N, C-alpha and C. Protein backbone atom coordinates (compact mmCIF):
# COMPACT_ATOMS: atom_id res chain seq x y z
N UNK A 1 55.87 154.15 111.45
CA UNK A 1 55.68 153.82 112.86
C UNK A 1 57.00 154.02 113.60
N UNK A 2 56.94 154.65 114.78
CA UNK A 2 58.14 154.91 115.57
C UNK A 2 58.01 154.21 116.92
N UNK A 3 59.07 153.50 117.30
CA UNK A 3 59.07 152.77 118.56
C UNK A 3 59.27 153.74 119.72
N UNK A 4 58.95 153.31 120.94
CA UNK A 4 59.08 154.20 122.10
C UNK A 4 60.52 154.58 122.42
N UNK A 5 61.50 153.97 121.74
CA UNK A 5 62.89 154.27 122.06
C UNK A 5 63.47 155.42 121.25
N UNK A 6 62.63 156.17 120.51
CA UNK A 6 63.18 157.36 119.85
C UNK A 6 63.59 158.37 120.93
N UNK A 7 64.66 159.09 120.63
CA UNK A 7 65.25 159.97 121.64
C UNK A 7 64.98 161.45 121.37
N UNK A 8 64.48 161.76 120.19
CA UNK A 8 64.23 163.16 119.85
C UNK A 8 63.50 163.27 118.52
N UNK A 9 63.28 164.50 118.10
CA UNK A 9 62.66 164.78 116.81
C UNK A 9 63.41 165.94 116.16
N UNK A 10 63.39 165.96 114.84
CA UNK A 10 64.00 167.05 114.09
C UNK A 10 62.94 167.64 113.16
N UNK A 11 62.72 168.94 113.28
CA UNK A 11 61.72 169.63 112.48
C UNK A 11 62.42 170.38 111.36
N UNK A 12 62.13 169.99 110.13
CA UNK A 12 62.77 170.56 108.95
C UNK A 12 61.83 171.54 108.25
N UNK A 13 62.33 172.73 107.98
CA UNK A 13 61.64 173.69 107.13
C UNK A 13 61.72 173.24 105.68
N UNK A 14 60.85 173.75 104.83
CA UNK A 14 60.87 173.41 103.40
C UNK A 14 61.42 174.57 102.56
N UNK A 15 60.72 175.68 102.51
CA UNK A 15 61.08 176.76 101.59
C UNK A 15 62.35 177.47 102.05
N UNK A 16 63.35 177.48 101.16
CA UNK A 16 64.64 178.06 101.48
C UNK A 16 65.57 177.10 102.17
N UNK A 17 65.05 175.96 102.64
CA UNK A 17 65.85 174.96 103.35
C UNK A 17 65.96 173.70 102.51
N UNK A 18 64.86 172.95 102.40
CA UNK A 18 64.86 171.79 101.51
C UNK A 18 64.73 172.22 100.05
N UNK A 19 64.04 173.32 99.83
CA UNK A 19 63.94 173.93 98.49
C UNK A 19 64.89 175.12 98.49
N UNK A 20 66.07 174.99 97.89
CA UNK A 20 67.11 176.02 98.04
C UNK A 20 66.89 177.25 97.16
N UNK A 21 67.15 178.41 97.73
CA UNK A 21 67.18 179.64 96.96
C UNK A 21 65.86 180.19 96.49
N UNK A 22 64.77 179.52 96.82
CA UNK A 22 63.45 179.97 96.40
C UNK A 22 62.43 179.33 97.33
N UNK A 23 61.17 179.34 96.93
CA UNK A 23 60.13 178.64 97.70
C UNK A 23 59.34 177.75 96.77
N UNK A 24 58.68 176.76 97.36
CA UNK A 24 57.83 175.88 96.56
C UNK A 24 56.69 176.68 95.93
N UNK A 25 56.22 177.70 96.63
CA UNK A 25 55.13 178.52 96.09
C UNK A 25 55.57 179.32 94.87
N UNK A 26 56.77 179.89 94.93
CA UNK A 26 57.27 180.63 93.77
C UNK A 26 57.52 179.68 92.60
N UNK A 27 58.03 178.49 92.89
CA UNK A 27 58.23 177.49 91.84
C UNK A 27 56.90 177.16 91.14
N UNK A 28 55.85 176.94 91.92
CA UNK A 28 54.56 176.61 91.33
C UNK A 28 53.91 177.83 90.68
N UNK A 29 54.17 179.02 91.23
CA UNK A 29 53.60 180.24 90.64
C UNK A 29 54.15 180.51 89.25
N UNK A 30 55.35 180.02 88.96
CA UNK A 30 55.90 180.15 87.60
C UNK A 30 54.98 179.44 86.61
N UNK A 31 54.53 178.26 86.98
CA UNK A 31 53.60 177.48 86.17
C UNK A 31 52.20 178.12 86.15
N UNK A 32 51.81 178.69 87.27
CA UNK A 32 50.45 179.25 87.38
C UNK A 32 50.33 180.66 86.80
N UNK A 33 51.47 181.35 86.61
CA UNK A 33 51.45 182.63 85.93
C UNK A 33 51.51 183.87 86.81
N UNK A 34 51.83 183.71 88.11
CA UNK A 34 51.92 184.89 88.98
C UNK A 34 53.22 184.90 89.78
N UNK A 35 54.29 184.41 89.18
CA UNK A 35 55.55 184.27 89.89
C UNK A 35 56.10 185.60 90.39
N UNK A 36 56.18 186.61 89.52
CA UNK A 36 56.81 187.87 89.90
C UNK A 36 56.06 188.55 91.04
N UNK A 37 54.73 188.52 90.97
CA UNK A 37 53.91 189.13 92.00
C UNK A 37 54.13 188.42 93.34
N UNK A 38 54.19 187.09 93.31
CA UNK A 38 54.38 186.35 94.55
C UNK A 38 55.78 186.55 95.12
N UNK A 39 56.78 186.57 94.26
CA UNK A 39 58.15 186.78 94.74
C UNK A 39 58.27 188.10 95.49
N UNK A 40 57.64 189.14 94.99
CA UNK A 40 57.65 190.44 95.68
C UNK A 40 56.94 190.33 97.03
N UNK A 41 55.84 189.60 97.07
CA UNK A 41 55.10 189.43 98.32
C UNK A 41 55.92 188.66 99.34
N UNK A 42 56.64 187.64 98.89
CA UNK A 42 57.47 186.87 99.82
C UNK A 42 58.63 187.72 100.34
N UNK A 43 59.17 188.59 99.50
CA UNK A 43 60.20 189.52 99.97
C UNK A 43 59.64 190.46 101.04
N UNK A 44 58.39 190.88 100.84
CA UNK A 44 57.74 191.76 101.82
C UNK A 44 57.52 191.03 103.15
N UNK A 45 57.21 189.74 103.08
CA UNK A 45 57.08 188.94 104.30
C UNK A 45 58.43 188.83 105.00
N UNK A 46 59.48 188.54 104.24
CA UNK A 46 60.81 188.37 104.82
C UNK A 46 61.27 189.64 105.54
N UNK A 47 60.87 190.79 105.02
CA UNK A 47 61.28 192.06 105.62
C UNK A 47 60.38 192.49 106.78
N UNK A 48 59.26 191.77 106.96
CA UNK A 48 58.32 192.12 108.01
C UNK A 48 57.22 193.07 107.58
N UNK A 49 57.22 193.49 106.32
CA UNK A 49 56.21 194.44 105.84
C UNK A 49 54.84 193.79 105.65
N UNK A 50 54.83 192.51 105.30
CA UNK A 50 53.60 191.75 105.13
C UNK A 50 53.57 190.62 106.15
N UNK A 51 52.34 190.15 106.46
CA UNK A 51 52.24 188.94 107.27
C UNK A 51 51.92 187.76 106.36
N UNK A 52 51.95 186.56 106.94
CA UNK A 52 51.78 185.37 106.11
C UNK A 52 50.37 185.27 105.52
N UNK A 53 49.39 185.79 106.21
CA UNK A 53 48.02 185.76 105.70
C UNK A 53 47.91 186.51 104.38
N UNK A 54 48.53 187.68 104.31
CA UNK A 54 48.49 188.48 103.08
C UNK A 54 49.14 187.74 101.91
N UNK A 55 50.29 187.13 102.19
CA UNK A 55 51.00 186.39 101.13
C UNK A 55 50.17 185.19 100.68
N UNK A 56 49.60 184.46 101.62
CA UNK A 56 48.83 183.27 101.29
C UNK A 56 47.60 183.61 100.44
N UNK A 57 46.92 184.69 100.79
CA UNK A 57 45.73 185.06 100.03
C UNK A 57 46.07 185.49 98.61
N UNK A 58 47.17 186.23 98.47
CA UNK A 58 47.61 186.61 97.12
C UNK A 58 47.95 185.37 96.30
N UNK A 59 48.71 184.46 96.90
CA UNK A 59 49.12 183.25 96.19
C UNK A 59 47.92 182.38 95.84
N UNK A 60 47.03 182.18 96.80
CA UNK A 60 45.88 181.30 96.58
C UNK A 60 45.03 181.75 95.40
N UNK A 61 44.91 183.06 95.21
CA UNK A 61 44.10 183.58 94.11
C UNK A 61 44.62 183.09 92.76
N UNK A 62 45.92 182.88 92.68
CA UNK A 62 46.52 182.42 91.43
C UNK A 62 46.27 180.95 91.12
N UNK A 63 45.76 180.22 92.10
CA UNK A 63 45.46 178.80 91.90
C UNK A 63 44.03 178.55 91.41
N UNK A 64 43.23 179.59 91.34
CA UNK A 64 41.80 179.43 91.04
C UNK A 64 41.58 178.71 89.72
N UNK A 65 40.76 177.66 89.76
CA UNK A 65 40.38 176.91 88.56
C UNK A 65 41.35 175.83 88.15
N UNK A 66 42.51 175.74 88.80
CA UNK A 66 43.52 174.74 88.43
C UNK A 66 43.17 173.41 89.10
N UNK A 67 43.32 172.31 88.38
CA UNK A 67 42.99 171.01 88.95
C UNK A 67 44.07 170.54 89.91
N UNK A 68 43.63 169.81 90.92
CA UNK A 68 44.55 169.25 91.91
C UNK A 68 45.57 168.34 91.23
N UNK A 69 45.14 167.58 90.26
CA UNK A 69 46.03 166.64 89.56
C UNK A 69 47.15 167.37 88.82
N UNK A 70 46.86 168.51 88.23
CA UNK A 70 47.89 169.24 87.49
C UNK A 70 49.00 169.71 88.43
N UNK A 71 48.65 170.16 89.62
CA UNK A 71 49.65 170.59 90.59
C UNK A 71 50.49 169.40 91.05
N UNK A 72 49.85 168.30 91.34
CA UNK A 72 50.57 167.11 91.77
C UNK A 72 51.63 166.69 90.75
N UNK A 73 51.28 166.79 89.48
CA UNK A 73 52.21 166.42 88.43
C UNK A 73 53.41 167.33 88.32
N UNK A 74 53.28 168.56 88.78
CA UNK A 74 54.37 169.54 88.70
C UNK A 74 55.40 169.36 89.82
N UNK A 75 55.02 168.74 90.91
CA UNK A 75 55.90 168.69 92.07
C UNK A 75 57.13 167.82 91.87
N UNK A 76 57.09 166.90 90.89
CA UNK A 76 58.29 166.10 90.62
C UNK A 76 59.46 166.96 90.15
N UNK A 77 59.17 168.16 89.65
CA UNK A 77 60.22 169.05 89.19
C UNK A 77 60.69 170.05 90.24
N UNK A 78 60.17 169.94 91.45
CA UNK A 78 60.52 170.88 92.52
C UNK A 78 62.02 170.81 92.80
N UNK A 79 62.74 171.95 92.77
CA UNK A 79 64.18 171.92 93.06
C UNK A 79 64.43 171.61 94.53
N UNK A 80 65.29 170.65 94.81
CA UNK A 80 65.53 170.21 96.18
C UNK A 80 67.02 170.15 96.47
N UNK A 81 67.38 170.44 97.70
CA UNK A 81 68.75 170.33 98.14
C UNK A 81 69.17 168.85 98.11
N UNK A 82 70.43 168.59 97.92
CA UNK A 82 70.92 167.21 97.94
C UNK A 82 70.88 166.65 99.37
N UNK A 83 70.79 165.33 99.46
CA UNK A 83 70.96 164.65 100.73
C UNK A 83 69.74 164.52 101.61
N UNK A 84 68.55 164.82 101.09
CA UNK A 84 67.35 164.73 101.94
C UNK A 84 67.09 163.28 102.35
N UNK A 85 67.08 162.36 101.40
CA UNK A 85 66.79 160.96 101.72
C UNK A 85 67.81 160.41 102.71
N UNK A 86 69.07 160.75 102.51
CA UNK A 86 70.12 160.24 103.39
C UNK A 86 70.00 160.83 104.80
N UNK A 87 69.60 162.10 104.89
CA UNK A 87 69.44 162.74 106.19
C UNK A 87 68.26 162.15 106.95
N UNK A 88 67.16 161.91 106.25
CA UNK A 88 66.00 161.28 106.89
C UNK A 88 66.37 159.88 107.38
N UNK A 89 67.11 159.13 106.56
CA UNK A 89 67.52 157.78 106.96
C UNK A 89 68.43 157.82 108.19
N UNK A 90 69.34 158.80 108.23
CA UNK A 90 70.24 158.95 109.39
C UNK A 90 69.42 159.24 110.65
N UNK A 91 68.45 160.14 110.53
CA UNK A 91 67.60 160.45 111.68
C UNK A 91 66.91 159.19 112.19
N UNK A 92 66.35 158.42 111.31
CA UNK A 92 65.65 157.20 111.72
C UNK A 92 66.60 156.22 112.42
N UNK A 93 67.79 156.04 111.86
CA UNK A 93 68.76 155.11 112.45
C UNK A 93 69.20 155.54 113.84
N UNK A 94 69.17 156.84 114.09
CA UNK A 94 69.67 157.37 115.34
C UNK A 94 68.57 157.77 116.33
N UNK A 95 67.36 157.31 116.07
CA UNK A 95 66.27 157.53 117.01
C UNK A 95 65.68 158.93 117.01
N UNK A 96 65.88 159.67 115.91
CA UNK A 96 65.31 161.01 115.77
C UNK A 96 64.17 160.97 114.76
N UNK A 97 63.02 161.45 115.14
CA UNK A 97 61.84 161.41 114.25
C UNK A 97 61.90 162.63 113.33
N UNK A 98 61.98 162.42 112.01
CA UNK A 98 62.03 163.55 111.07
C UNK A 98 60.64 164.05 110.71
N UNK A 99 60.41 165.35 110.91
CA UNK A 99 59.10 165.97 110.70
C UNK A 99 59.27 167.21 109.84
N UNK A 100 58.32 167.49 108.96
CA UNK A 100 58.31 168.72 108.19
C UNK A 100 57.50 169.77 108.94
N UNK A 101 58.17 170.85 109.36
CA UNK A 101 57.48 171.98 110.00
C UNK A 101 57.63 173.15 109.03
N UNK A 102 56.58 173.47 108.32
CA UNK A 102 56.68 174.34 107.16
C UNK A 102 55.43 175.19 106.97
N UNK A 103 55.62 176.30 106.27
CA UNK A 103 54.50 177.13 105.83
C UNK A 103 54.14 176.86 104.38
N UNK A 104 54.77 175.85 103.76
CA UNK A 104 54.43 175.48 102.39
C UNK A 104 53.02 174.90 102.34
N UNK A 105 52.34 175.10 101.21
CA UNK A 105 50.98 174.56 101.05
C UNK A 105 50.96 173.05 101.30
N UNK A 106 49.86 172.55 101.81
CA UNK A 106 49.77 171.14 102.18
C UNK A 106 50.06 170.16 101.04
N UNK A 107 49.75 170.45 99.76
CA UNK A 107 50.14 169.50 98.73
C UNK A 107 51.66 169.30 98.65
N UNK A 108 52.42 170.35 98.98
CA UNK A 108 53.88 170.25 98.96
C UNK A 108 54.36 169.41 100.13
N UNK A 109 53.85 169.69 101.33
CA UNK A 109 54.23 168.90 102.49
C UNK A 109 53.87 167.43 102.33
N UNK A 110 52.69 167.16 101.80
CA UNK A 110 52.26 165.78 101.59
C UNK A 110 53.18 165.08 100.59
N UNK A 111 53.52 165.77 99.50
CA UNK A 111 54.41 165.20 98.49
C UNK A 111 55.77 164.84 99.08
N UNK A 112 56.37 165.77 99.82
CA UNK A 112 57.70 165.53 100.37
C UNK A 112 57.68 164.47 101.46
N UNK A 113 56.63 164.45 102.27
CA UNK A 113 56.52 163.42 103.31
C UNK A 113 56.43 162.03 102.69
N UNK A 114 55.63 161.90 101.64
CA UNK A 114 55.48 160.61 100.97
C UNK A 114 56.76 160.20 100.25
N UNK A 115 57.42 161.16 99.62
CA UNK A 115 58.62 160.85 98.84
C UNK A 115 59.80 160.45 99.72
N UNK A 116 59.97 161.14 100.85
CA UNK A 116 61.18 160.93 101.64
C UNK A 116 60.95 160.25 102.99
N UNK A 117 59.70 160.05 103.37
CA UNK A 117 59.43 159.33 104.60
C UNK A 117 59.44 160.16 105.87
N UNK A 118 59.10 161.45 105.76
CA UNK A 118 58.93 162.25 106.97
C UNK A 118 57.72 161.75 107.74
N UNK A 119 57.80 161.86 109.05
CA UNK A 119 56.75 161.33 109.92
C UNK A 119 55.42 162.05 109.72
N UNK A 120 55.47 163.37 109.54
CA UNK A 120 54.27 164.18 109.38
C UNK A 120 54.66 165.53 108.81
N UNK A 121 53.66 166.37 108.54
CA UNK A 121 53.95 167.68 107.96
C UNK A 121 52.89 168.68 108.39
N UNK A 122 53.27 169.96 108.35
CA UNK A 122 52.34 171.04 108.67
C UNK A 122 52.10 171.87 107.42
N UNK A 123 51.33 172.95 107.59
CA UNK A 123 51.17 173.89 106.50
C UNK A 123 49.75 174.38 106.31
N UNK A 124 49.59 175.46 105.56
CA UNK A 124 48.26 175.99 105.23
C UNK A 124 47.59 175.11 104.18
N UNK A 125 46.28 175.25 104.07
CA UNK A 125 45.51 174.46 103.09
C UNK A 125 44.77 175.38 102.13
N UNK A 126 44.76 174.98 100.89
CA UNK A 126 43.97 175.66 99.87
C UNK A 126 42.59 175.03 99.78
N UNK A 127 41.59 175.85 99.56
CA UNK A 127 40.23 175.35 99.39
C UNK A 127 40.09 174.69 98.01
N UNK A 128 39.39 173.57 97.97
CA UNK A 128 39.11 172.89 96.71
C UNK A 128 37.62 172.59 96.59
N UNK A 129 37.18 172.46 95.35
CA UNK A 129 35.79 172.06 95.07
C UNK A 129 35.79 171.32 93.74
N UNK A 130 35.23 170.13 93.74
CA UNK A 130 35.13 169.32 92.51
C UNK A 130 36.49 169.11 91.86
N UNK A 131 37.51 168.87 92.69
CA UNK A 131 38.84 168.55 92.17
C UNK A 131 39.63 169.73 91.66
N UNK A 132 39.16 170.95 91.94
CA UNK A 132 39.89 172.15 91.51
C UNK A 132 40.05 173.12 92.68
N UNK A 133 41.11 173.90 92.62
CA UNK A 133 41.33 174.92 93.63
C UNK A 133 40.41 176.11 93.36
N UNK A 134 39.85 176.68 94.43
CA UNK A 134 38.89 177.77 94.28
C UNK A 134 39.55 179.14 94.25
N UNK A 135 40.80 179.23 94.68
CA UNK A 135 41.46 180.53 94.79
C UNK A 135 41.36 181.13 96.19
N UNK A 136 40.82 180.33 97.13
CA UNK A 136 40.70 180.79 98.51
C UNK A 136 41.50 179.89 99.45
N UNK A 137 41.85 180.45 100.60
CA UNK A 137 42.60 179.72 101.62
C UNK A 137 41.60 179.02 102.55
N UNK A 138 41.76 177.72 102.70
CA UNK A 138 40.89 176.96 103.61
C UNK A 138 41.39 177.03 105.04
N UNK A 139 42.72 177.09 105.22
CA UNK A 139 43.29 177.20 106.57
C UNK A 139 44.58 178.01 106.50
N UNK A 140 44.61 179.11 107.22
CA UNK A 140 45.84 179.89 107.32
C UNK A 140 46.79 179.24 108.32
N UNK A 141 48.07 179.51 108.15
CA UNK A 141 49.08 178.86 108.99
C UNK A 141 50.31 179.74 108.98
N UNK A 142 50.69 180.31 110.14
CA UNK A 142 51.83 181.22 110.18
C UNK A 142 52.97 180.65 111.02
N UNK A 143 53.98 181.49 111.28
CA UNK A 143 55.18 181.01 111.98
C UNK A 143 54.88 180.57 113.42
N UNK A 144 53.86 181.15 114.03
CA UNK A 144 53.50 180.74 115.39
C UNK A 144 52.74 179.41 115.37
N UNK A 145 51.91 179.22 114.35
CA UNK A 145 51.26 177.92 114.17
C UNK A 145 52.29 176.83 113.91
N UNK A 146 53.33 177.18 113.18
CA UNK A 146 54.41 176.24 112.88
C UNK A 146 55.08 175.76 114.17
N UNK A 147 55.39 176.71 115.05
CA UNK A 147 55.96 176.37 116.35
C UNK A 147 55.00 175.49 117.15
N UNK A 148 53.72 175.87 117.17
CA UNK A 148 52.74 175.12 117.95
C UNK A 148 52.56 173.71 117.40
N UNK A 149 52.58 173.58 116.08
CA UNK A 149 52.51 172.25 115.47
C UNK A 149 53.68 171.39 115.93
N UNK A 150 54.89 171.94 115.88
CA UNK A 150 56.07 171.18 116.26
C UNK A 150 56.00 170.75 117.73
N UNK A 151 55.60 171.65 118.60
CA UNK A 151 55.52 171.31 120.01
C UNK A 151 54.45 170.25 120.26
N UNK A 152 53.35 170.33 119.52
CA UNK A 152 52.31 169.31 119.65
C UNK A 152 52.80 167.95 119.14
N UNK A 153 53.57 167.96 118.06
CA UNK A 153 54.15 166.72 117.56
C UNK A 153 55.09 166.12 118.60
N UNK A 154 55.93 166.95 119.21
CA UNK A 154 56.84 166.47 120.24
C UNK A 154 56.05 165.83 121.39
N UNK A 155 55.01 166.50 121.82
CA UNK A 155 54.20 165.97 122.92
C UNK A 155 53.59 164.62 122.55
N UNK A 156 53.09 164.51 121.31
CA UNK A 156 52.46 163.26 120.89
C UNK A 156 53.47 162.11 120.83
N UNK A 157 54.74 162.46 120.65
CA UNK A 157 55.80 161.45 120.60
C UNK A 157 56.41 161.20 121.98
N UNK A 158 55.90 161.90 123.00
CA UNK A 158 56.43 161.73 124.35
C UNK A 158 57.77 162.40 124.56
N UNK A 159 58.02 163.48 123.80
CA UNK A 159 59.32 164.15 123.85
C UNK A 159 59.19 165.55 124.44
N UNK A 160 60.18 165.95 125.20
CA UNK A 160 60.26 167.32 125.69
C UNK A 160 60.84 168.20 124.60
N UNK A 161 60.50 169.48 124.55
CA UNK A 161 61.04 170.37 123.52
C UNK A 161 62.57 170.40 123.49
N UNK A 162 63.22 170.26 124.65
CA UNK A 162 64.68 170.32 124.65
C UNK A 162 65.31 169.09 124.00
N UNK A 163 64.51 168.06 123.74
CA UNK A 163 65.00 166.87 123.04
C UNK A 163 64.80 166.97 121.53
N UNK A 164 64.37 168.14 121.07
CA UNK A 164 64.06 168.33 119.66
C UNK A 164 64.97 169.37 119.03
N UNK A 165 65.09 169.29 117.72
CA UNK A 165 65.89 170.24 116.95
C UNK A 165 65.06 170.78 115.80
N UNK A 166 65.46 171.94 115.30
CA UNK A 166 64.82 172.53 114.13
C UNK A 166 65.90 172.95 113.14
N UNK A 167 65.63 172.73 111.86
CA UNK A 167 66.53 173.14 110.78
C UNK A 167 65.75 174.07 109.87
N UNK A 168 66.19 175.32 109.74
CA UNK A 168 65.47 176.29 108.93
C UNK A 168 66.36 177.42 108.49
N UNK A 169 65.74 178.43 107.86
CA UNK A 169 66.58 179.45 107.22
C UNK A 169 66.09 180.88 107.36
N UNK A 170 64.91 181.12 107.95
CA UNK A 170 64.38 182.48 107.81
C UNK A 170 63.40 182.86 108.92
N UNK A 171 62.71 183.96 108.70
CA UNK A 171 61.78 184.53 109.68
C UNK A 171 60.79 183.50 110.21
N UNK A 172 60.28 182.65 109.35
CA UNK A 172 59.24 181.72 109.79
C UNK A 172 59.75 180.68 110.77
N UNK A 173 61.06 180.57 110.92
CA UNK A 173 61.64 179.58 111.82
C UNK A 173 61.96 180.14 113.20
N UNK A 174 61.90 181.45 113.39
CA UNK A 174 62.38 182.05 114.62
C UNK A 174 61.61 181.61 115.87
N UNK A 175 60.25 181.59 115.85
CA UNK A 175 59.55 181.11 117.05
C UNK A 175 59.89 179.66 117.39
N UNK A 176 60.07 178.82 116.38
CA UNK A 176 60.41 177.42 116.63
C UNK A 176 61.84 177.30 117.15
N UNK A 177 62.77 178.06 116.57
CA UNK A 177 64.16 178.03 117.05
C UNK A 177 64.23 178.31 118.55
N UNK A 178 63.42 179.23 119.02
CA UNK A 178 63.48 179.62 120.43
C UNK A 178 62.76 178.63 121.35
N UNK A 179 62.11 177.61 120.76
CA UNK A 179 61.28 176.70 121.55
C UNK A 179 61.87 175.29 121.67
N UNK A 180 62.93 175.00 120.93
CA UNK A 180 63.53 173.66 120.95
C UNK A 180 64.94 173.72 121.51
N UNK A 181 65.50 172.55 121.80
CA UNK A 181 66.80 172.51 122.42
C UNK A 181 67.96 172.79 121.50
N UNK A 182 67.77 172.59 120.20
CA UNK A 182 68.86 172.73 119.24
C UNK A 182 68.30 173.28 117.94
N UNK A 183 68.96 174.28 117.38
CA UNK A 183 68.48 174.86 116.12
C UNK A 183 69.64 175.07 115.17
N UNK A 184 69.39 174.77 113.89
CA UNK A 184 70.42 174.89 112.86
C UNK A 184 69.93 175.85 111.78
N UNK A 185 70.64 176.94 111.59
CA UNK A 185 70.36 177.89 110.51
C UNK A 185 71.10 177.38 109.27
N UNK A 186 70.33 176.91 108.30
CA UNK A 186 70.90 176.27 107.11
C UNK A 186 70.76 177.21 105.92
N UNK A 187 71.91 177.70 105.40
CA UNK A 187 71.91 178.68 104.30
C UNK A 187 70.93 179.81 104.61
N UNK A 188 71.10 180.40 105.79
CA UNK A 188 70.04 181.19 106.40
C UNK A 188 70.27 182.69 106.36
N UNK A 189 69.18 183.40 106.68
CA UNK A 189 69.21 184.85 106.82
C UNK A 189 69.98 185.22 108.08
N UNK A 190 70.33 186.50 108.19
CA UNK A 190 71.07 186.97 109.36
C UNK A 190 70.27 186.77 110.64
N UNK A 191 68.97 187.03 110.60
CA UNK A 191 68.14 186.87 111.79
C UNK A 191 68.09 185.41 112.25
N UNK A 192 67.98 184.50 111.30
CA UNK A 192 67.94 183.08 111.65
C UNK A 192 69.28 182.63 112.22
N UNK A 193 70.37 183.11 111.64
CA UNK A 193 71.70 182.76 112.15
C UNK A 193 71.87 183.24 113.59
N UNK A 194 71.41 184.45 113.85
CA UNK A 194 71.55 185.03 115.19
C UNK A 194 70.75 184.25 116.23
N UNK A 195 69.65 183.66 115.81
CA UNK A 195 68.77 182.95 116.74
C UNK A 195 69.14 181.48 116.92
N UNK A 196 69.98 180.93 116.04
CA UNK A 196 70.23 179.49 116.01
C UNK A 196 71.38 179.06 116.90
N UNK A 197 71.36 177.80 117.27
CA UNK A 197 72.48 177.20 118.00
C UNK A 197 73.72 177.15 117.13
N UNK A 198 73.53 176.83 115.84
CA UNK A 198 74.64 176.70 114.91
C UNK A 198 74.18 177.12 113.53
N UNK A 199 75.12 177.55 112.70
CA UNK A 199 74.83 177.91 111.31
C UNK A 199 75.66 177.04 110.38
N UNK A 200 75.03 176.56 109.32
CA UNK A 200 75.69 175.70 108.35
C UNK A 200 75.36 176.21 106.95
N UNK A 201 76.37 176.32 106.10
CA UNK A 201 76.16 176.70 104.70
C UNK A 201 76.68 175.59 103.81
N UNK A 202 75.82 175.02 103.00
CA UNK A 202 76.23 173.92 102.14
C UNK A 202 75.12 173.65 101.14
N UNK A 203 75.43 172.91 100.08
CA UNK A 203 74.41 172.52 99.11
C UNK A 203 73.92 171.10 99.36
N UNK A 204 74.30 170.50 100.50
CA UNK A 204 73.90 169.14 100.85
C UNK A 204 73.39 169.14 102.29
N UNK A 205 72.17 168.67 102.48
CA UNK A 205 71.55 168.68 103.79
C UNK A 205 72.33 167.85 104.81
N UNK A 206 73.08 166.88 104.34
CA UNK A 206 73.84 166.03 105.27
C UNK A 206 74.86 166.81 106.08
N UNK A 207 75.16 168.03 105.67
CA UNK A 207 76.12 168.83 106.41
C UNK A 207 75.60 169.26 107.79
N UNK A 208 74.28 169.12 108.03
CA UNK A 208 73.74 169.45 109.35
C UNK A 208 73.86 168.28 110.33
N UNK A 209 74.24 167.11 109.87
CA UNK A 209 74.24 165.92 110.73
C UNK A 209 75.21 166.02 111.91
N UNK A 210 76.41 166.59 111.74
CA UNK A 210 77.27 166.72 112.92
C UNK A 210 76.63 167.54 114.04
N UNK A 211 75.83 168.55 113.69
CA UNK A 211 75.13 169.33 114.72
C UNK A 211 73.99 168.50 115.32
N UNK A 212 73.22 167.84 114.47
CA UNK A 212 72.10 167.04 114.99
C UNK A 212 72.58 165.88 115.86
N UNK A 213 73.79 165.43 115.64
CA UNK A 213 74.31 164.32 116.45
C UNK A 213 74.41 164.69 117.92
N UNK A 214 74.40 165.99 118.24
CA UNK A 214 74.43 166.40 119.64
C UNK A 214 73.20 165.92 120.38
N UNK A 215 72.05 165.84 119.68
CA UNK A 215 70.84 165.32 120.32
C UNK A 215 71.01 163.86 120.70
N UNK A 216 71.64 163.11 119.81
CA UNK A 216 71.85 161.69 120.06
C UNK A 216 72.82 161.50 121.21
N UNK A 217 73.91 162.26 121.19
CA UNK A 217 74.92 162.16 122.26
C UNK A 217 74.33 162.53 123.61
N UNK A 218 73.51 163.58 123.64
CA UNK A 218 72.93 164.03 124.89
C UNK A 218 71.98 163.02 125.51
N UNK A 219 71.43 162.14 124.68
CA UNK A 219 70.46 161.16 125.18
C UNK A 219 71.12 159.93 125.79
N UNK A 220 72.42 159.81 125.59
CA UNK A 220 73.10 158.60 126.05
C UNK A 220 73.54 158.74 127.51
């Protein structure tokens, strides 16, 4: 629950940002048996050769027949950048609502939101039936949906876009970067760096806090 005195929101990307050097989908695809194929598809997305729908459909096919419980059990091993819990706590103390704005599958967003206390999360959904994944996508979600989700979250919190920040690393963050008042390219691609307010390279998420503090200062 957030009181009316919050001054802004921070939208955090997951893959390549909270999950360093890879994506949650590639991590899970190692277990599911299609890691190499998915990694190539994600590279094609990063270069602009593929769109997110193509990547999602390829990935979803690899989940066919797997139980929801088995995936949930694997997420405890997800590689994560240091300092997530501390960064979320700092945001809360300073009146910034921490939100996950991501293209990661909804089980990943749900897991991270529950574990670290993010206010909400976005993402595509996999179709399930009788407790198992069918291999089909139930809801597609691309970089423009990610931006629209973040702006809708800001509106629901009574915040203007210029009172919000985004932390991300790649192509999927560009529409959101251009829609908020402050953007941080964290261990990011050249395109994300060029589009961001500031660029930070570190193995600890807390290194973005000096940049995010500008939102707090501006509200005073």
